[in-house]
Amino acid sequence: MDYDKDKVDEMILALLYLTSSRDKYATRAWKGLDWATLDRLYKKGYISDPQSKSPSLALSEEGAKLSKELFFKYFGAKE
């Protein structure tokens, strides 16, 4: 199947915002999403290595900011 991987990456990064929370060290999110996409986001520097044994991953500072921006861009309520 041929598809726009950059668009999928944006959507997955936006969806990570739904399960994200901030602790005293980092913004973390559950990683129950497509592994290939998570690997691309890792290579782009937005998230920590999804191959870890932890059920969650850390978002980089840039990844957390972009995740929130993309979430509200695509899923924010229209006024």
Protein backbone atom coordinates (compact mmCIF):
# COMPACT_ATOMS: atom_id res chain seq x y z
CA MET A 1 0.00 0.00 0.00
CA ASP A 2 1.31 3.42 -0.93
CA TYR A 3 0.52 6.35 1.37
CA ASP A 4 1.94 9.64 2.59
CA LYS A 5 4.07 8.62 5.56
CA ASP A 6 4.66 12.24 6.61
CA LYS A 7 0.91 12.78 7.01
CA VAL A 8 0.60 9.57 9.03
CA ASP A 9 3.53 10.71 11.20
CA GLU A 10 1.71 13.99 11.88
CA MET A 11 -1.51 12.20 12.85
CA ILE A 12 0.26 9.73 15.15
CA LEU A 13 2.21 12.54 16.80
CA ALA A 14 -1.08 14.42 17.29
CA LEU A 15 -2.70 11.31 18.80
CA LEU A 16 0.19 10.84 21.22
CA TYR A 17 -1.00 14.08 22.84
CA LEU A 18 -4.20 12.29 23.94
CA THR A 19 -2.30 9.90 26.20
CA SER A 20 0.50 12.24 27.20
CA SER A 21 1.25 13.48 30.68
CA ARG A 22 4.10 15.45 32.17
CA ASP A 23 6.12 14.12 35.09
CA LYS A 24 9.08 15.89 36.67
CA TYR A 25 11.43 14.51 34.01
CA ALA A 26 9.59 14.45 30.68
CA THR A 27 6.33 14.34 28.79
CA ARG A 28 5.37 10.68 28.37
CA ALA A 29 2.72 8.96 26.24
CA TRP A 30 1.47 5.40 25.79
CA LYS A 31 3.03 3.77 22.77
CA GLY A 32 0.26 1.45 21.55
CA LEU A 33 0.47 2.69 17.97
CA ASP A 34 2.01 1.52 14.69
CA TRP A 35 5.65 0.53 15.31
CA ALA A 36 6.94 1.66 11.91
CA THR A 37 5.48 5.13 12.47
CA LEU A 38 6.87 5.34 16.00
CA ASP A 39 10.28 4.35 14.65
CA ARG A 40 10.12 7.19 12.08
CA LEU A 41 9.16 9.67 14.83
CA TYR A 42 12.12 8.42 16.87
CA LYS A 43 14.47 8.93 13.93
CA LYS A 44 13.10 12.48 13.52
CA GLY A 45 13.93 13.18 17.19
CA TYR A 46 10.35 13.65 18.43
CA ILE A 47 10.21 10.63 20.78
CA SER A 48 12.47 8.28 22.71
CA ASP A 49 13.30 4.83 21.34
CA PRO A 50 9.97 2.94 21.12
CA GLN A 51 11.82 -0.40 21.29
CA SER A 52 12.26 -0.09 25.07
CA LYS A 53 10.38 -2.43 27.44
CA SER A 54 8.46 0.47 28.96
CA PRO A 55 4.77 0.74 27.97
CA SER A 56 5.25 4.46 27.44
CA LEU A 57 7.71 6.65 25.59
CA ALA A 58 9.13 10.09 26.25
CA LEU A 59 8.49 12.96 23.90
CA SER A 60 11.35 15.36 23.27
CA GLU A 61 10.67 19.00 24.11
CA GLU A 62 10.13 19.68 20.41
CA GLY A 63 8.00 16.53 20.04
CA ALA A 64 5.74 17.47 22.97
CA LYS A 65 5.22 20.98 21.61
CA LEU A 66 4.51 19.77 18.08
CA SER A 67 2.24 16.99 19.37
CA LYS A 68 0.02 19.54 21.12
CA GLU A 69 0.01 21.91 18.13
CA LEU A 70 -0.94 19.13 15.72
CA PHE A 71 -3.64 17.79 18.03
CA PHE A 72 -5.44 21.13 18.17
CA LYS A 73 -4.84 21.77 14.46
CA TYR A 74 -6.56 18.54 13.45
CA PHE A 75 -8.91 17.80 16.34
CA GLY A 76 -9.59 21.14 18.06
CA ALA A 77 -13.23 22.21 18.34
CA LYS A 78 -14.33 24.81 15.83
CA GLU A 79 -15.93 27.88 17.37
